[in-house]
Amino acid sequence: MGVVTYDFEVTSPISPARLFKALTVESGKVFPKAAPHAVKSVELQGNGGPGTIAKINFAEGLPYQYVKHEIESHDQDNLSYSYSVIEGGPLGDKLEKISFENKFVAGADGGSVCKSLMKFYTIGDCVFTEEEIKDQIQRMDRVYKAVEAYLETNPDVCN
């Protein structure tokens, strides 16, 4: 097994605390409303803390039927969150899992910056290319931007 790491940042006009809440604590409610074209439902097995399994069911017509995340840490005080994709989605026959470490911080313009570290754990000697990594980031970014737009048009959500 090999490990490929990738750092990236996403900026948003939404405050760090509100964005963190929408993408973690309230994701089961927010994702299907913000991105109905992509997310059909979110099912949680657990209390939302470490060890919880979140199954995200995708809308018909998308390349993946579902993806399962295992929450590894959730720190609301420091607005940090880590999880691993453990089943479905982009794993296919190349990846054992994908781990994410996310931290939400204040942006210069009053919004936020989500700093992420991704780790792709490959099966055997499989190679996961930079092009494949960027494809995964683009897929996530579409849902992220949909959540952002939903929060902008619904100022009472996740306050």
N, C-alpha and C. Protein backbone atom coordinates (compact mmCIF):
# COMPACT_ATOMS: atom_id res chain seq x y z
N MET A 1 0.85 -1.18 0.00
CA MET A 1 0.00 0.00 0.00
C MET A 1 0.89 1.23 0.00
N GLY A 2 0.51 2.20 -0.83
CA GLY A 2 1.19 3.48 -0.85
C GLY A 2 0.25 4.56 -0.35
N VAL A 3 0.83 5.71 -0.01
CA VAL A 3 0.03 6.84 0.45
C VAL A 3 0.45 8.06 -0.36
N VAL A 4 -0.56 8.71 -0.97
CA VAL A 4 -0.34 9.94 -1.71
C VAL A 4 -1.03 11.05 -0.93
N THR A 5 -0.30 12.11 -0.58
CA THR A 5 -0.90 13.21 0.16
C THR A 5 -1.08 14.42 -0.75
N TYR A 6 -2.09 15.21 -0.40
CA TYR A 6 -2.40 16.39 -1.20
C TYR A 6 -3.01 17.45 -0.29
N ASP A 7 -2.43 18.64 -0.27
CA ASP A 7 -2.94 19.78 0.51
C ASP A 7 -3.71 20.70 -0.42
N PHE A 8 -4.81 21.24 0.09
CA PHE A 8 -5.50 22.28 -0.68
C PHE A 8 -6.33 23.15 0.27
N GLU A 9 -6.70 24.32 -0.22
CA GLU A 9 -7.51 25.26 0.54
C GLU A 9 -8.68 25.72 -0.30
N VAL A 10 -9.81 25.97 0.37
CA VAL A 10 -10.99 26.50 -0.29
C VAL A 10 -11.44 27.72 0.52
N THR A 11 -11.67 28.84 -0.16
CA THR A 11 -12.15 30.03 0.51
C THR A 11 -13.66 30.15 0.35
N SER A 12 -14.29 30.84 1.30
CA SER A 12 -15.73 31.01 1.28
C SER A 12 -16.10 32.34 1.94
N PRO A 13 -17.19 32.96 1.50
CA PRO A 13 -17.67 34.16 2.18
C PRO A 13 -18.42 33.84 3.47
N ILE A 14 -18.67 32.56 3.75
CA ILE A 14 -19.41 32.12 4.94
C ILE A 14 -18.44 32.05 6.12
N SER A 15 -18.91 32.42 7.32
CA SER A 15 -18.06 32.39 8.51
C SER A 15 -17.60 30.96 8.80
N PRO A 16 -16.42 30.80 9.42
CA PRO A 16 -15.91 29.47 9.70
C PRO A 16 -16.87 28.62 10.55
N ALA A 17 -17.43 29.19 11.60
CA ALA A 17 -18.31 28.40 12.49
C ALA A 17 -19.57 27.93 11.76
N ARG A 18 -20.14 28.79 10.96
CA ARG A 18 -21.37 28.44 10.24
C ARG A 18 -21.09 27.38 9.16
N LEU A 19 -20.01 27.54 8.43
CA LEU A 19 -19.66 26.58 7.39
C LEU A 19 -19.31 25.22 8.01
N PHE A 20 -18.56 25.24 9.11
CA PHE A 20 -18.22 24.01 9.82
C PHE A 20 -19.50 23.28 10.23
N LYS A 21 -20.44 24.00 10.80
CA LYS A 21 -21.70 23.39 11.25
C LYS A 21 -22.46 22.78 10.07
N ALA A 22 -22.53 23.49 8.96
CA ALA A 22 -23.27 23.00 7.79
C ALA A 22 -22.62 21.76 7.18
N LEU A 23 -21.30 21.72 7.17
CA LEU A 23 -20.59 20.62 6.52
C LEU A 23 -20.36 19.42 7.45
N THR A 24 -20.60 19.61 8.75
CA THR A 24 -20.38 18.50 9.68
C THR A 24 -21.63 18.19 10.49
N VAL A 25 -21.92 19.00 11.49
CA VAL A 25 -23.01 18.74 12.43
C VAL A 25 -24.36 18.63 11.74
N GLU A 26 -24.65 19.51 10.81
CA GLU A 26 -25.95 19.56 10.16
C GLU A 26 -25.94 19.02 8.72
N SER A 27 -24.88 18.33 8.35
CA SER A 27 -24.75 17.88 6.96
C SER A 27 -25.91 17.00 6.50
N GLY A 28 -26.44 16.20 7.39
CA GLY A 28 -27.56 15.32 7.03
C GLY A 28 -28.79 16.08 6.60
N LYS A 29 -28.97 17.28 7.14
CA LYS A 29 -30.10 18.14 6.77
C LYS A 29 -29.74 19.06 5.61
N VAL A 30 -28.52 19.57 5.64
CA VAL A 30 -28.11 20.60 4.67
C VAL A 30 -27.81 20.02 3.29
N PHE A 31 -27.05 18.93 3.20
CA PHE A 31 -26.62 18.42 1.89
C PHE A 31 -27.78 18.15 0.93
N PRO A 32 -28.83 17.42 1.36
CA PRO A 32 -29.92 17.14 0.41
C PRO A 32 -30.68 18.40 -0.03
N LYS A 33 -30.74 19.41 0.85
CA LYS A 33 -31.42 20.66 0.48
C LYS A 33 -30.54 21.54 -0.41
N ALA A 34 -29.26 21.58 -0.10
CA ALA A 34 -28.35 22.44 -0.84
C ALA A 34 -27.96 21.85 -2.20
N ALA A 35 -27.88 20.54 -2.26
CA ALA A 35 -27.41 19.89 -3.49
C ALA A 35 -28.31 18.70 -3.86
N PRO A 36 -29.62 18.95 -4.08
CA PRO A 36 -30.51 17.82 -4.40
C PRO A 36 -30.15 17.13 -5.72
N HIS A 37 -29.43 17.84 -6.58
CA HIS A 37 -28.96 17.25 -7.84
C HIS A 37 -27.87 16.21 -7.60
N ALA A 38 -27.25 16.25 -6.41
CA ALA A 38 -26.13 15.36 -6.12
C ALA A 38 -26.40 14.42 -4.94
N VAL A 39 -27.02 14.95 -3.88
CA VAL A 39 -27.19 14.17 -2.64
C VAL A 39 -28.67 13.90 -2.40
N LYS A 40 -29.00 12.61 -2.37
CA LYS A 40 -30.38 12.20 -2.11
C LYS A 40 -30.66 12.20 -0.61
N SER A 41 -29.74 11.63 0.19
CA SER A 41 -29.94 11.57 1.63
C SER A 41 -28.61 11.28 2.32
N VAL A 42 -28.61 11.50 3.64
CA VAL A 42 -27.46 11.18 4.48
C VAL A 42 -27.98 10.38 5.67
N GLU A 43 -27.38 9.22 5.90
CA GLU A 43 -27.76 8.35 7.01
C GLU A 43 -26.60 8.29 7.99
N LEU A 44 -26.88 8.48 9.29
CA LEU A 44 -25.84 8.39 10.31
C LEU A 44 -26.02 7.16 11.16
N GLN A 45 -24.93 6.47 11.41
CA GLN A 45 -24.90 5.35 12.35
C GLN A 45 -23.95 5.78 13.47
N GLY A 46 -24.53 6.33 14.54
CA GLY A 46 -23.73 6.84 15.65
C GLY A 46 -24.24 8.20 16.05
N ASN A 47 -23.52 8.84 16.98
CA ASN A 47 -23.95 10.11 17.54
C ASN A 47 -23.34 11.33 16.87
N GLY A 48 -22.60 11.14 15.79
CA GLY A 48 -21.96 12.25 15.08
C GLY A 48 -20.52 12.46 15.48
N GLY A 49 -20.08 11.82 16.55
CA GLY A 49 -18.70 11.93 17.01
C GLY A 49 -17.82 10.87 16.39
N PRO A 50 -16.60 10.73 16.89
CA PRO A 50 -15.68 9.73 16.38
C PRO A 50 -16.31 8.33 16.39
N GLY A 51 -16.06 7.60 15.31
CA GLY A 51 -16.63 6.26 15.16
C GLY A 51 -17.95 6.24 14.41
N THR A 52 -18.59 7.39 14.26
CA THR A 52 -19.85 7.47 13.52
C THR A 52 -19.59 7.18 12.04
N ILE A 53 -20.50 6.44 11.44
CA ILE A 53 -20.45 6.18 10.00
C ILE A 53 -21.54 7.02 9.34
N ALA A 54 -21.16 7.82 8.36
CA ALA A 54 -22.11 8.63 7.59
C ALA A 54 -22.18 8.05 6.19
N LYS A 55 -23.37 7.63 5.78
CA LYS A 55 -23.56 7.12 4.42
C LYS A 55 -24.28 8.21 3.63
N ILE A 56 -23.62 8.69 2.59
CA ILE A 56 -24.19 9.71 1.73
C ILE A 56 -24.68 9.01 0.47
N ASN A 57 -25.98 9.06 0.25
CA ASN A 57 -26.60 8.45 -0.93
C ASN A 57 -26.73 9.51 -2.01
N PHE A 58 -26.19 9.21 -3.19
CA PHE A 58 -26.18 10.17 -4.27
C PHE A 58 -27.42 10.05 -5.15
N ALA A 59 -27.72 11.14 -5.83
CA ALA A 59 -28.85 11.17 -6.77
C ALA A 59 -28.58 10.24 -7.95
N GLU A 60 -29.66 9.76 -8.54
CA GLU A 60 -29.53 8.88 -9.70
C GLU A 60 -28.83 9.61 -10.84
N GLY A 61 -28.08 8.85 -11.62
CA GLY A 61 -27.40 9.42 -12.77
C GLY A 61 -25.97 9.85 -12.49
N LEU A 62 -25.56 9.85 -11.22
CA LEU A 62 -24.19 10.22 -10.89
C LEU A 62 -23.29 8.97 -10.97
N PRO A 63 -21.98 9.18 -11.10
CA PRO A 63 -21.10 8.03 -11.26
C PRO A 63 -21.06 7.08 -10.05
N TYR A 64 -21.40 7.59 -8.87
CA TYR A 64 -21.36 6.76 -7.66
C TYR A 64 -22.75 6.70 -7.04
N GLN A 65 -23.09 5.55 -6.47
CA GLN A 65 -24.38 5.37 -5.82
C GLN A 65 -24.36 5.93 -4.40
N TYR A 66 -23.25 5.71 -3.70
CA TYR A 66 -23.13 6.17 -2.32
C TYR A 66 -21.65 6.23 -1.94
N VAL A 67 -21.40 6.81 -0.76
CA VAL A 67 -20.08 6.79 -0.17
C VAL A 67 -20.27 6.73 1.35
N LYS A 68 -19.39 5.99 2.03
CA LYS A 68 -19.44 5.93 3.49
C LYS A 68 -18.20 6.60 4.06
N HIS A 69 -18.45 7.49 5.04
CA HIS A 69 -17.38 8.17 5.76
C HIS A 69 -17.35 7.64 7.18
N GLU A 70 -16.17 7.45 7.72
CA GLU A 70 -16.03 7.17 9.15
C GLU A 70 -15.41 8.40 9.80
N ILE A 71 -16.12 8.96 10.76
CA ILE A 71 -15.64 10.16 11.44
C ILE A 71 -14.56 9.74 12.44
N GLU A 72 -13.41 10.40 12.33
CA GLU A 72 -12.28 10.09 13.21
C GLU A 72 -12.12 11.11 14.32
N SER A 73 -12.38 12.38 14.02
CA SER A 73 -12.35 13.41 15.05
C SER A 73 -13.31 14.53 14.66
N HIS A 74 -13.83 15.18 15.68
CA HIS A 74 -14.78 16.27 15.47
C HIS A 74 -14.59 17.24 16.63
N ASP A 75 -13.96 18.37 16.36
CA ASP A 75 -13.65 19.34 17.41
C ASP A 75 -14.34 20.66 17.08
N GLN A 76 -15.51 20.84 17.67
CA GLN A 76 -16.31 22.03 17.38
C GLN A 76 -15.63 23.30 17.90
N ASP A 77 -14.90 23.20 19.01
CA ASP A 77 -14.22 24.38 19.56
C ASP A 77 -13.13 24.90 18.64
N ASN A 78 -12.41 24.00 18.00
CA ASN A 78 -11.32 24.39 17.10
C ASN A 78 -11.70 24.31 15.63
N LEU A 79 -12.97 24.01 15.35
CA LEU A 79 -13.49 23.93 13.99
C LEU A 79 -12.64 23.01 13.11
N SER A 80 -12.33 21.84 13.66
CA SER A 80 -11.57 20.86 12.89
C SER A 80 -12.34 19.54 12.86
N TYR A 81 -12.08 18.79 11.80
CA TYR A 81 -12.89 17.60 11.53
C TYR A 81 -12.07 16.68 10.65
N SER A 82 -12.00 15.41 11.02
CA SER A 82 -11.32 14.47 10.14
C SER A 82 -12.18 13.23 9.95
N TYR A 83 -12.07 12.66 8.76
CA TYR A 83 -12.84 11.47 8.43
C TYR A 83 -12.15 10.73 7.30
N SER A 84 -12.57 9.49 7.11
CA SER A 84 -12.05 8.70 6.00
C SER A 84 -13.20 8.16 5.18
N VAL A 85 -13.03 8.18 3.86
CA VAL A 85 -13.95 7.49 2.96
C VAL A 85 -13.53 6.03 3.05
N ILE A 86 -14.47 5.17 3.50
CA ILE A 86 -14.13 3.77 3.72
C ILE A 86 -14.85 2.80 2.79
N GLU A 87 -15.85 3.32 2.06
CA GLU A 87 -16.60 2.44 1.17
C GLU A 87 -17.30 3.27 0.11
N GLY A 88 -17.43 2.68 -1.08
CA GLY A 88 -18.18 3.32 -2.16
C GLY A 88 -17.43 4.47 -2.80
N GLY A 89 -18.19 5.27 -3.52
CA GLY A 89 -17.64 6.45 -4.16
C GLY A 89 -16.42 6.17 -5.00
N PRO A 90 -15.38 6.98 -4.83
CA PRO A 90 -14.22 6.92 -5.71
C PRO A 90 -13.22 5.81 -5.39
N LEU A 91 -13.47 4.99 -4.38
CA LEU A 91 -12.45 4.02 -3.99
C LEU A 91 -12.14 3.01 -5.09
N GLY A 92 -13.16 2.43 -5.70
CA GLY A 92 -12.94 1.48 -6.79
C GLY A 92 -11.94 0.40 -6.44
N ASP A 93 -11.13 0.03 -7.42
CA ASP A 93 -10.14 -1.03 -7.18
C ASP A 93 -8.73 -0.48 -6.98
N LYS A 94 -8.60 0.85 -6.86
CA LYS A 94 -7.29 1.46 -6.66
C LYS A 94 -7.04 1.90 -5.22
N LEU A 95 -8.12 2.25 -4.51
CA LEU A 95 -7.94 2.87 -3.20
C LEU A 95 -8.56 2.06 -2.07
N GLU A 96 -7.81 1.93 -0.99
CA GLU A 96 -8.32 1.31 0.23
C GLU A 96 -9.20 2.31 0.98
N LYS A 97 -8.72 3.56 1.08
CA LYS A 97 -9.47 4.63 1.73
C LYS A 97 -8.87 5.97 1.35
N ILE A 98 -9.64 7.03 1.64
CA ILE A 98 -9.15 8.40 1.48
C ILE A 98 -9.42 9.10 2.81
N SER A 99 -8.39 9.66 3.41
CA SER A 99 -8.55 10.37 4.68
C SER A 99 -8.47 11.87 4.46
N PHE A 100 -9.27 12.59 5.22
CA PHE A 100 -9.34 14.05 5.14
C PHE A 100 -9.14 14.65 6.53
N GLU A 101 -8.30 15.66 6.63
CA GLU A 101 -8.15 16.45 7.85
C GLU A 101 -8.51 17.88 7.45
N ASN A 102 -9.60 18.40 8.03
CA ASN A 102 -10.09 19.73 7.66
C ASN A 102 -10.07 20.66 8.85
N LYS A 103 -9.68 21.89 8.60
CA LYS A 103 -9.66 22.94 9.63
C LYS A 103 -10.24 24.20 9.00
N PHE A 104 -11.23 24.79 9.68
CA PHE A 104 -11.87 26.01 9.20
C PHE A 104 -11.32 27.18 9.99
N VAL A 105 -10.80 28.19 9.27
CA VAL A 105 -10.22 29.38 9.92
C VAL A 105 -10.82 30.63 9.28
N ALA A 106 -10.69 31.73 9.99
CA ALA A 106 -11.19 33.01 9.48
C ALA A 106 -10.40 33.43 8.26
N GLY A 107 -11.12 33.93 7.26
CA GLY A 107 -10.49 34.46 6.06
C GLY A 107 -10.25 35.95 6.22
N ALA A 108 -9.45 36.51 5.36
CA ALA A 108 -9.11 37.93 5.44
C ALA A 108 -10.31 38.83 5.21
N ASP A 109 -11.30 38.36 4.48
CA ASP A 109 -12.45 39.19 4.12
C ASP A 109 -13.68 38.97 5.00
N GLY A 110 -13.50 38.30 6.15
CA GLY A 110 -14.64 38.03 7.02
C GLY A 110 -15.26 36.67 6.76
N GLY A 111 -14.87 36.01 5.72
CA GLY A 111 -15.37 34.67 5.41
C GLY A 111 -14.48 33.63 6.07
N SER A 112 -14.22 32.56 5.35
CA SER A 112 -13.41 31.50 5.93
C SER A 112 -12.52 30.84 4.89
N VAL A 113 -11.58 30.07 5.41
CA VAL A 113 -10.71 29.24 4.60
C VAL A 113 -10.79 27.84 5.21
N CYS A 114 -11.05 26.86 4.37
CA CYS A 114 -11.01 25.47 4.79
C CYS A 114 -9.69 24.91 4.31
N LYS A 115 -8.83 24.56 5.26
CA LYS A 115 -7.54 23.97 4.94
C LYS A 115 -7.67 22.46 5.06
N SER A 116 -7.34 21.75 4.00
CA SER A 116 -7.53 20.31 3.97
C SER A 116 -6.24 19.58 3.61
N LEU A 117 -6.06 18.45 4.26
CA LEU A 117 -5.01 17.52 3.91
C LEU A 117 -5.70 16.22 3.55
N MET A 118 -5.47 15.76 2.33
CA MET A 118 -6.05 14.50 1.86
C MET A 118 -4.94 13.46 1.77
N LYS A 119 -5.28 12.23 2.17
CA LYS A 119 -4.34 11.12 2.04
C LYS A 119 -5.06 10.00 1.31
N PHE A 120 -4.49 9.60 0.18
CA PHE A 120 -5.04 8.54 -0.65
C PHE A 120 -4.23 7.28 -0.39
N TYR A 121 -4.86 6.26 0.18
CA TYR A 121 -4.21 4.99 0.50
C TYR A 121 -4.49 4.01 -0.64
N THR A 122 -3.47 3.75 -1.44
CA THR A 122 -3.65 2.89 -2.61
C THR A 122 -3.55 1.41 -2.24
N ILE A 123 -4.19 0.60 -3.05
CA ILE A 123 -4.14 -0.85 -2.90
C ILE A 123 -2.94 -1.37 -3.67
N GLY A 124 -2.11 -2.17 -2.99
CA GLY A 124 -0.95 -2.75 -3.65
C GLY A 124 -0.05 -1.69 -4.24
N ASP A 125 0.33 -1.87 -5.49
CA ASP A 125 1.21 -0.90 -6.15
C ASP A 125 0.46 -0.01 -7.14
N CYS A 126 -0.86 0.11 -6.94
CA CYS A 126 -1.66 1.00 -7.80
C CYS A 126 -1.17 2.44 -7.67
N VAL A 127 -1.32 3.18 -8.73
CA VAL A 127 -0.94 4.59 -8.75
C VAL A 127 -2.20 5.42 -8.86
N PHE A 128 -2.33 6.42 -8.00
CA PHE A 128 -3.44 7.36 -8.06
C PHE A 128 -2.85 8.68 -8.51
N THR A 129 -3.21 9.12 -9.71
CA THR A 129 -2.55 10.26 -10.35
C THR A 129 -3.06 11.60 -9.84
N GLU A 130 -2.30 12.63 -10.12
CA GLU A 130 -2.71 13.99 -9.76
C GLU A 130 -4.00 14.36 -10.49
N GLU A 131 -4.17 13.89 -11.70
CA GLU A 131 -5.40 14.14 -12.46
C GLU A 131 -6.61 13.53 -11.73
N GLU A 132 -6.45 12.31 -11.21
CA GLU A 132 -7.53 11.66 -10.46
C GLU A 132 -7.82 12.40 -9.15
N ILE A 133 -6.77 12.90 -8.50
CA ILE A 133 -6.95 13.68 -7.27
C ILE A 133 -7.73 14.95 -7.58
N LYS A 134 -7.35 15.66 -8.62
CA LYS A 134 -8.04 16.90 -8.98
C LYS A 134 -9.49 16.64 -9.38
N ASP A 135 -9.77 15.51 -9.99
CA ASP A 135 -11.14 15.13 -10.32
C ASP A 135 -11.96 14.96 -9.04
N GLN A 136 -11.39 14.33 -8.03
CA GLN A 136 -12.09 14.14 -6.76
C GLN A 136 -12.34 15.49 -6.07
N ILE A 137 -11.38 16.37 -6.12
CA ILE A 137 -11.54 17.69 -5.52
C ILE A 137 -12.63 18.47 -6.24
N GLN A 138 -12.70 18.39 -7.55
CA GLN A 138 -13.75 19.08 -8.30
C GLN A 138 -15.13 18.57 -7.92
N ARG A 139 -15.28 17.26 -7.73
CA ARG A 139 -16.57 16.69 -7.32
C ARG A 139 -16.98 17.21 -5.95
N MET A 140 -16.03 17.22 -5.02
CA MET A 140 -16.32 17.73 -3.67
C MET A 140 -16.62 19.22 -3.70
N ASP A 141 -15.89 19.93 -4.53
CA ASP A 141 -16.07 21.38 -4.61
C ASP A 141 -17.47 21.76 -5.09
N ARG A 142 -18.07 20.96 -5.96
CA ARG A 142 -19.42 21.26 -6.43
C ARG A 142 -20.43 21.20 -5.28
N VAL A 143 -20.30 20.19 -4.42
CA VAL A 143 -21.20 20.10 -3.27
C VAL A 143 -20.88 21.23 -2.28
N TYR A 144 -19.62 21.50 -2.06
CA TYR A 144 -19.18 22.57 -1.16
C TYR A 144 -19.77 23.91 -1.61
N LYS A 145 -19.67 24.21 -2.89
CA LYS A 145 -20.19 25.48 -3.41
C LYS A 145 -21.72 25.52 -3.33
N ALA A 146 -22.38 24.37 -3.51
CA ALA A 146 -23.83 24.31 -3.38
C ALA A 146 -24.24 24.60 -1.94
N VAL A 147 -23.50 24.06 -0.97
CA VAL A 147 -23.77 24.34 0.45
C VAL A 147 -23.56 25.81 0.73
N GLU A 148 -22.49 26.36 0.23
CA GLU A 148 -22.19 27.78 0.40
C GLU A 148 -23.33 28.65 -0.15
N ALA A 149 -23.79 28.35 -1.35
CA ALA A 149 -24.88 29.12 -1.97
C ALA A 149 -26.17 28.97 -1.15
N TYR A 150 -26.44 27.77 -0.66
CA TYR A 150 -27.62 27.53 0.17
C TYR A 150 -27.56 28.37 1.45
N LEU A 151 -26.40 28.43 2.07
CA LEU A 151 -26.26 29.23 3.29
C LEU A 151 -26.41 30.72 3.00
N GLU A 152 -25.90 31.16 1.85
CA GLU A 152 -26.04 32.58 1.50
C GLU A 152 -27.50 32.96 1.27
N THR A 153 -28.29 32.07 0.70
CA THR A 153 -29.69 32.39 0.43
C THR A 153 -30.62 32.04 1.60
N ASN A 154 -30.09 31.37 2.61
CA ASN A 154 -30.86 31.00 3.80
C ASN A 154 -30.07 31.42 5.04
N PRO A 155 -30.07 32.72 5.35
CA PRO A 155 -29.20 33.24 6.42
C PRO A 155 -29.53 32.72 7.82
N ASP A 156 -30.68 32.09 8.03
CA ASP A 156 -31.02 31.57 9.35
C ASP A 156 -30.54 30.13 9.57
N VAL A 157 -30.05 29.48 8.52
CA VAL A 157 -29.63 28.08 8.61
C VAL A 157 -28.21 28.02 9.20
N CYS A 158 -28.02 27.14 10.17
CA CYS A 158 -26.71 26.84 10.79
C CYS A 158 -26.09 28.03 11.52
N ASN A 159 -26.90 28.79 12.16
CA ASN A 159 -26.36 29.90 12.98
C ASN A 159 -26.12 29.46 14.40
